[in-house]
Amino acid sequence: MKLKISLGQMDVTLGAPDENLEKAQLLAAEAARRGSDFLVLPELWSTGYDLENAADYATPTDAGIFAEMAAIADRHNLYLLGSCLSRQGDGGAGNTFANTAVLFDPEGNALGEYSKIHLFRLMDEEKYLTGGDHLTIVDTPLGKMGLAICYDLRFPELFRAYALDGASVIFLPSEWP
């Protein structure tokens, strides 16, 4: 089976989720026009590294920008992946924030989510974010797929674990200047 993947490369506008959402919608329409199965958006595609304002953007993975992603996947009949700021916790004072990628199927259902495990100290991620604590493999009709984010690339044991668990594809949304 052939798999067609579109990479949604975009100039992420710092702290402008509405503007970035418009860009993502255009990329999804183009990916669908090309007959792609998947669209992969960058790391923190909705806000960029505006981490000091994470509380203004972060939502649970079933609301906010993640719900917008689900709608885009459904509207364009695509698998969709990209990371955004997520709110972890119950909404109380113990909330933390994470850099989380959710894989949506072509009907807009969340198949799995992954929060970046290896935080990048040079971008002060550890000051604003909580690292993830588990690997995520998603079973799809196209095979097993692993999820990782950007700096995780520097840690080969993560990818070895995915390979040993049967992942045939690993998606790694990134934001590199």
C-alpha atoms as a PDB file:
ATOM      1  CA  MET A   1       0.000   0.000   0.000  1.00  0.00           C
ATOM      2  CA  LYS A   2       1.293   3.432  -0.932  1.00  0.00           C
ATOM      3  CA  LEU A   3       1.225   6.162   1.681  1.00  0.00           C
ATOM      4  CA  LYS A   4       1.168   9.799   0.592  1.00  0.00           C
ATOM      5  CA  ILE A   5       2.312  12.289   3.222  1.00  0.00           C
ATOM      6  CA  SER A   6       2.212  16.066   2.932  1.00  0.00           C
ATOM      7  CA  LEU A   7       4.515  18.106   5.133  1.00  0.00           C
ATOM      8  CA  GLY A   8       2.778  21.309   6.134  1.00  0.00           C
ATOM      9  CA  GLN A   9       5.804  23.561   6.290  1.00  0.00           C
ATOM     10  CA  MET A  10       4.763  27.017   7.388  1.00  0.00           C
ATOM     11  CA  ASP A  11       6.210  30.163   8.854  1.00  0.00           C
ATOM     12  CA  VAL A  12       4.688  29.965  12.335  1.00  0.00           C
ATOM     13  CA  THR A  13       3.723  33.412  13.594  1.00  0.00           C
ATOM     14  CA  LEU A  14       4.673  33.677  17.268  1.00  0.00           C
ATOM     15  CA  GLY A  15       1.659  33.978  19.558  1.00  0.00           C
ATOM     16  CA  ALA A  16      -0.906  34.193  16.729  1.00  0.00           C
ATOM     17  CA  PRO A  17      -3.066  31.046  16.855  1.00  0.00           C
ATOM     18  CA  ASP A  18      -5.847  32.432  14.625  1.00  0.00           C
ATOM     19  CA  GLU A  19      -3.379  33.389  11.895  1.00  0.00           C
ATOM     20  CA  ASN A  20      -1.593  30.044  12.151  1.00  0.00           C
ATOM     21  CA  LEU A  21      -4.904  28.173  12.068  1.00  0.00           C
ATOM     22  CA  GLU A  22      -5.735  29.847   8.744  1.00  0.00           C
ATOM     23  CA  LYS A  23      -2.375  28.705   7.371  1.00  0.00           C
ATOM     24  CA  ALA A  24      -3.034  25.132   8.578  1.00  0.00           C
ATOM     25  CA  GLN A  25      -6.474  25.102   6.935  1.00  0.00           C
ATOM     26  CA  LEU A  26      -4.931  26.152   3.606  1.00  0.00           C
ATOM     27  CA  LEU A  27      -2.255  23.469   3.924  1.00  0.00           C
ATOM     28  CA  ALA A  28      -4.914  20.841   4.632  1.00  0.00           C
ATOM     29  CA  ALA A  29      -6.939  21.883   1.596  1.00  0.00           C
ATOM     30  CA  GLU A  30      -3.824  21.606  -0.576  1.00  0.00           C
ATOM     31  CA  ALA A  31      -2.878  18.225   0.910  1.00  0.00           C
ATOM     32  CA  ALA A  32      -6.385  16.930   0.189  1.00  0.00           C
ATOM     33  CA  ARG A  33      -6.243  18.320  -3.350  1.00  0.00           C
ATOM     34  CA  ARG A  34      -3.019  16.375  -3.896  1.00  0.00           C
ATOM     35  CA  GLY A  35      -4.614  13.158  -2.661  1.00  0.00           C
ATOM     36  CA  SER A  36      -2.505  12.908   0.494  1.00  0.00           C
ATOM     37  CA  ASP A  37      -3.329  10.448   3.250  1.00  0.00           C
ATOM     38  CA  PHE A  38      -1.522  12.451   5.950  1.00  0.00           C
ATOM     39  CA  LEU A  39      -0.720  16.052   6.716  1.00  0.00           C
ATOM     40  CA  VAL A  40       2.015  16.678   9.279  1.00  0.00           C
ATOM     41  CA  LEU A  41       2.151  20.195  10.729  1.00  0.00           C
ATOM     42  CA  PRO A  42       5.167  21.564  12.634  1.00  0.00           C
ATOM     43  CA  GLU A  43       5.872  21.465  16.330  1.00  0.00           C
ATOM     44  CA  LEU A  44       3.867  24.101  18.208  1.00  0.00           C
ATOM     45  CA  TRP A  45       2.357  25.151  14.879  1.00  0.00           C
ATOM     46  CA  SER A  46      -0.442  27.191  16.451  1.00  0.00           C
ATOM     47  CA  THR A  47       1.648  29.489  18.673  1.00  0.00           C
ATOM     48  CA  GLY A  48       5.327  28.866  18.135  1.00  0.00           C
ATOM     49  CA  TYR A  49       7.591  29.045  21.157  1.00  0.00           C
ATOM     50  CA  ASP A  50       5.534  31.627  23.052  1.00  0.00           C
ATOM     51  CA  LEU A  51       5.940  29.427  26.119  1.00  0.00           C
ATOM     52  CA  GLU A  52       5.734  32.178  28.731  1.00  0.00           C
ATOM     53  CA  ASN A  53       2.097  32.635  27.623  1.00  0.00           C
ATOM     54  CA  ALA A  54       1.250  28.919  27.600  1.00  0.00           C
ATOM     55  CA  ALA A  55      -1.651  29.462  30.004  1.00  0.00           C
ATOM     56  CA  ASP A  56      -3.316  31.676  27.375  1.00  0.00           C
ATOM     57  CA  TYR A  57      -3.167  29.008  24.635  1.00  0.00           C
ATOM     58  CA  ALA A  58      -3.079  25.559  26.203  1.00  0.00           C
ATOM     59  CA  THR A  59      -6.240  23.458  26.246  1.00  0.00           C
ATOM     60  CA  PRO A  60      -7.063  19.838  26.972  1.00  0.00           C
ATOM     61  CA  THR A  61      -6.475  17.631  23.934  1.00  0.00           C
ATOM     62  CA  ASP A  62     -10.215  17.309  23.299  1.00  0.00           C
ATOM     63  CA  ALA A  63     -10.887  21.062  23.132  1.00  0.00           C
ATOM     64  CA  GLY A  64      -9.584  24.334  21.705  1.00  0.00           C
ATOM     65  CA  ILE A  65      -6.943  24.064  18.994  1.00  0.00           C
ATOM     66  CA  PHE A  66      -7.062  20.271  19.175  1.00  0.00           C
ATOM     67  CA  ALA A  67     -10.799  20.335  18.398  1.00  0.00           C
ATOM     68  CA  GLU A  68      -9.967  22.611  15.451  1.00  0.00           C
ATOM     69  CA  MET A  69      -7.462  20.008  14.250  1.00  0.00           C
ATOM     70  CA  ALA A  70     -10.093  17.275  14.507  1.00  0.00           C
ATOM     71  CA  ALA A  71     -12.463  19.360  12.392  1.00  0.00           C
ATOM     72  CA  ILE A  72      -9.768  19.972   9.757  1.00  0.00           C
ATOM     73  CA  ALA A  73      -8.983  16.246   9.566  1.00  0.00           C
ATOM     74  CA  ASP A  74     -12.675  15.447   9.132  1.00  0.00           C
ATOM     75  CA  ARG A  75     -13.338  18.235   6.625  1.00  0.00           C
ATOM     76  CA  HIS A  76     -10.431  17.206   4.383  1.00  0.00           C
ATOM     77  CA  ASN A  77     -10.547  13.436   4.985  1.00  0.00           C
ATOM     78  CA  LEU A  78      -6.906  13.359   6.167  1.00  0.00           C
ATOM     79  CA  TYR A  79      -4.909  11.925   8.989  1.00  0.00           C
ATOM     80  CA  LEU A  80      -3.583  15.037  10.720  1.00  0.00           C
ATOM     81  CA  LEU A  81      -0.715  15.471  13.152  1.00  0.00           C
ATOM     82  CA  GLY A  82       1.127  18.427  14.648  1.00  0.00           C
ATOM     83  CA  SER A  83       1.946  19.533  18.169  1.00  0.00           C
ATOM     84  CA  CYS A  84       0.349  22.302  20.225  1.00  0.00           C
ATOM     85  CA  LEU A  85       0.408  23.414  23.826  1.00  0.00           C
ATOM     86  CA  SER A  86      -1.813  21.194  25.946  1.00  0.00           C
ATOM     87  CA  ARG A  87      -3.167  21.669  29.423  1.00  0.00           C
ATOM     88  CA  GLN A  88      -2.497  18.709  31.673  1.00  0.00           C
ATOM     89  CA  GLY A  89      -4.465  18.257  34.874  1.00  0.00           C
ATOM     90  CA  ASP A  90      -7.990  18.843  36.105  1.00  0.00           C
ATOM     91  CA  GLY A  91      -8.264  22.607  35.625  1.00  0.00           C
ATOM     92  CA  GLY A  92      -7.203  23.390  39.197  1.00  0.00           C
ATOM     93  CA  ALA A  93      -4.073  25.020  40.531  1.00  0.00           C
ATOM     94  CA  GLY A  94      -2.054  21.901  39.703  1.00  0.00           C
ATOM     95  CA  ASN A  95      -2.270  22.469  35.959  1.00  0.00           C
ATOM     96  CA  THR A  96       0.835  21.949  33.913  1.00  0.00           C
ATOM     97  CA  PHE A  97       1.470  22.433  30.232  1.00  0.00           C
ATOM     98  CA  ALA A  98       2.995  20.104  27.664  1.00  0.00           C
ATOM     99  CA  ASN A  99       4.044  20.097  24.037  1.00  0.00           C
ATOM    100  CA  THR A 100       1.591  17.485  22.750  1.00  0.00           C
ATOM    101  CA  ALA A 101       1.009  15.900  19.351  1.00  0.00           C
ATOM    102  CA  VAL A 102      -2.336  14.252  18.659  1.00  0.00           C
ATOM    103  CA  LEU A 103      -2.894  12.033  15.623  1.00  0.00           C
ATOM    104  CA  PHE A 104      -6.398  12.469  14.205  1.00  0.00           C
ATOM    105  CA  ASP A 105      -7.950  10.074  11.693  1.00  0.00           C
ATOM    106  CA  PRO A 106      -9.832  11.210   8.555  1.00  0.00           C
ATOM    107  CA  GLU A 107     -13.088  11.373  10.549  1.00  0.00           C
ATOM    108  CA  GLY A 108     -11.539  13.645  13.186  1.00  0.00           C
ATOM    109  CA  ASN A 109     -11.162  10.986  15.890  1.00  0.00           C
ATOM    110  CA  ALA A 110      -8.079  11.176  18.109  1.00  0.00           C
ATOM    111  CA  LEU A 111      -6.120   7.948  17.680  1.00  0.00           C
ATOM    112  CA  GLY A 112      -3.338   8.730  20.128  1.00  0.00           C
ATOM    113  CA  GLU A 113      -1.441  11.525  21.775  1.00  0.00           C
ATOM    114  CA  TYR A 114       2.169  12.017  22.731  1.00  0.00           C
ATOM    115  CA  SER A 115       3.761  14.700  24.905  1.00  0.00           C
ATOM    116  CA  LYS A 116       7.396  15.518  24.195  1.00  0.00           C
ATOM    117  CA  ILE A 117       9.564  13.574  26.624  1.00  0.00           C
ATOM    118  CA  HIS A 118      12.938  15.254  26.053  1.00  0.00           C
ATOM    119  CA  LEU A 119      12.603  18.958  26.760  1.00  0.00           C
ATOM    120  CA  PHE A 120      15.099  21.288  25.055  1.00  0.00           C
ATOM    121  CA  ARG A 121      16.862  23.361  27.697  1.00  0.00           C
ATOM    122  CA  LEU A 122      18.251  25.872  25.186  1.00  0.00           C
ATOM    123  CA  MET A 123      14.647  26.999  24.550  1.00  0.00           C
ATOM    124  CA  ASP A 124      13.832  26.967  28.303  1.00  0.00           C
ATOM    125  CA  GLU A 125      11.181  24.305  27.762  1.00  0.00           C
ATOM    126  CA  GLU A 126      11.775  22.868  31.232  1.00  0.00           C
ATOM    127  CA  LYS A 127      10.750  26.220  32.787  1.00  0.00           C
ATOM    128  CA  TYR A 128       7.294  26.169  31.181  1.00  0.00           C
ATOM    129  CA  LEU A 129       6.488  22.586  30.203  1.00  0.00           C
ATOM    130  CA  THR A 130       6.213  19.183  31.783  1.00  0.00           C
ATOM    131  CA  GLY A 131       7.816  16.352  29.822  1.00  0.00           C
ATOM    132  CA  GLY A 132       5.775  13.390  28.707  1.00  0.00           C
ATOM    133  CA  ASP A 133       6.193  10.029  30.374  1.00  0.00           C
ATOM    134  CA  HIS A 134       5.326   7.416  27.755  1.00  0.00           C
ATOM    135  CA  LEU A 135       5.787   6.351  24.157  1.00  0.00           C
ATOM    136  CA  THR A 136       2.808   6.337  21.826  1.00  0.00           C
ATOM    137  CA  ILE A 137       2.246   3.810  19.068  1.00  0.00           C
ATOM    138  CA  VAL A 138      -0.952   4.146  17.096  1.00  0.00           C
ATOM    139  CA  ASP A 139      -2.482   1.254  15.187  1.00  0.00           C
ATOM    140  CA  THR A 140      -3.880   2.467  11.875  1.00  0.00           C
ATOM    141  CA  PRO A 141      -5.107   0.657   8.764  1.00  0.00           C
ATOM    142  CA  LEU A 142      -1.780   1.778   7.289  1.00  0.00           C
ATOM    143  CA  GLY A 143       0.290   0.102  10.013  1.00  0.00           C
ATOM    144  CA  LYS A 144       1.740   0.917  13.425  1.00  0.00           C
ATOM    145  CA  MET A 145       2.970   4.490  13.770  1.00  0.00           C
ATOM    146  CA  GLY A 146       5.064   6.045  16.511  1.00  0.00           C
ATOM    147  CA  LEU A 147       4.897   9.668  17.638  1.00  0.00           C
ATOM    148  CA  ALA A 148       7.777  11.870  18.776  1.00  0.00           C
ATOM    149  CA  ILE A 149       8.525  15.602  18.758  1.00  0.00           C
ATOM    150  CA  CYS A 150      11.579  17.544  17.598  1.00  0.00           C
ATOM    151  CA  TYR A 151      14.408  17.231  20.177  1.00  0.00           C
ATOM    152  CA  ASP A 152      13.358  13.632  20.875  1.00  0.00           C
ATOM    153  CA  LEU A 153      15.293  12.948  17.657  1.00  0.00           C
ATOM    154  CA  ARG A 154      18.534  13.140  19.669  1.00  0.00           C
ATOM    155  CA  PHE A 155      17.624  10.094  21.776  1.00  0.00           C
ATOM    156  CA  PRO A 156      17.958   6.912  19.704  1.00  0.00           C
ATOM    157  CA  GLU A 157      16.638   4.616  22.442  1.00  0.00           C
ATOM    158  CA  LEU A 158      13.186   6.123  21.874  1.00  0.00           C
ATOM    159  CA  PHE A 159      13.240   5.097  18.224  1.00  0.00           C
ATOM    160  CA  ARG A 160      14.699   1.694  18.991  1.00  0.00           C
ATOM    161  CA  ALA A 161      11.799   1.080  21.385  1.00  0.00           C
ATOM    162  CA  TYR A 162       9.342   2.089  18.651  1.00  0.00           C
ATOM    163  CA  ALA A 163      11.012  -0.244  16.153  1.00  0.00           C
ATOM    164  CA  LEU A 164      10.982  -3.128  18.627  1.00  0.00           C
ATOM    165  CA  ASP A 165       7.271  -2.490  19.241  1.00  0.00           C
ATOM    166  CA  GLY A 166       6.564  -2.788  15.518  1.00  0.00           C
ATOM    167  CA  ALA A 167       6.265   0.828  14.357  1.00  0.00           C
ATOM    168  CA  SER A 168       6.802   1.046  10.609  1.00  0.00           C
ATOM    169  CA  VAL A 169       6.524   4.859  10.529  1.00  0.00           C
ATOM    170  CA  ILE A 170       7.555   7.435  13.126  1.00  0.00           C
ATOM    171  CA  PHE A 171       6.224  10.967  12.818  1.00  0.00           C
ATOM    172  CA  LEU A 172       8.341  13.751  14.307  1.00  0.00           C
ATOM    173  CA  PRO A 173       6.859  17.257  13.985  1.00  0.00           C
ATOM    174  CA  SER A 174       9.563  19.858  14.533  1.00  0.00           C
ATOM    175  CA  GLU A 175      10.079  23.606  14.589  1.00  0.00           C
ATOM    176  CA  TRP A 176      13.586  24.521  13.600  1.00  0.00           C
ATOM    177  CA  PRO A 177      14.545  28.080  12.655  1.00  0.00           C
END
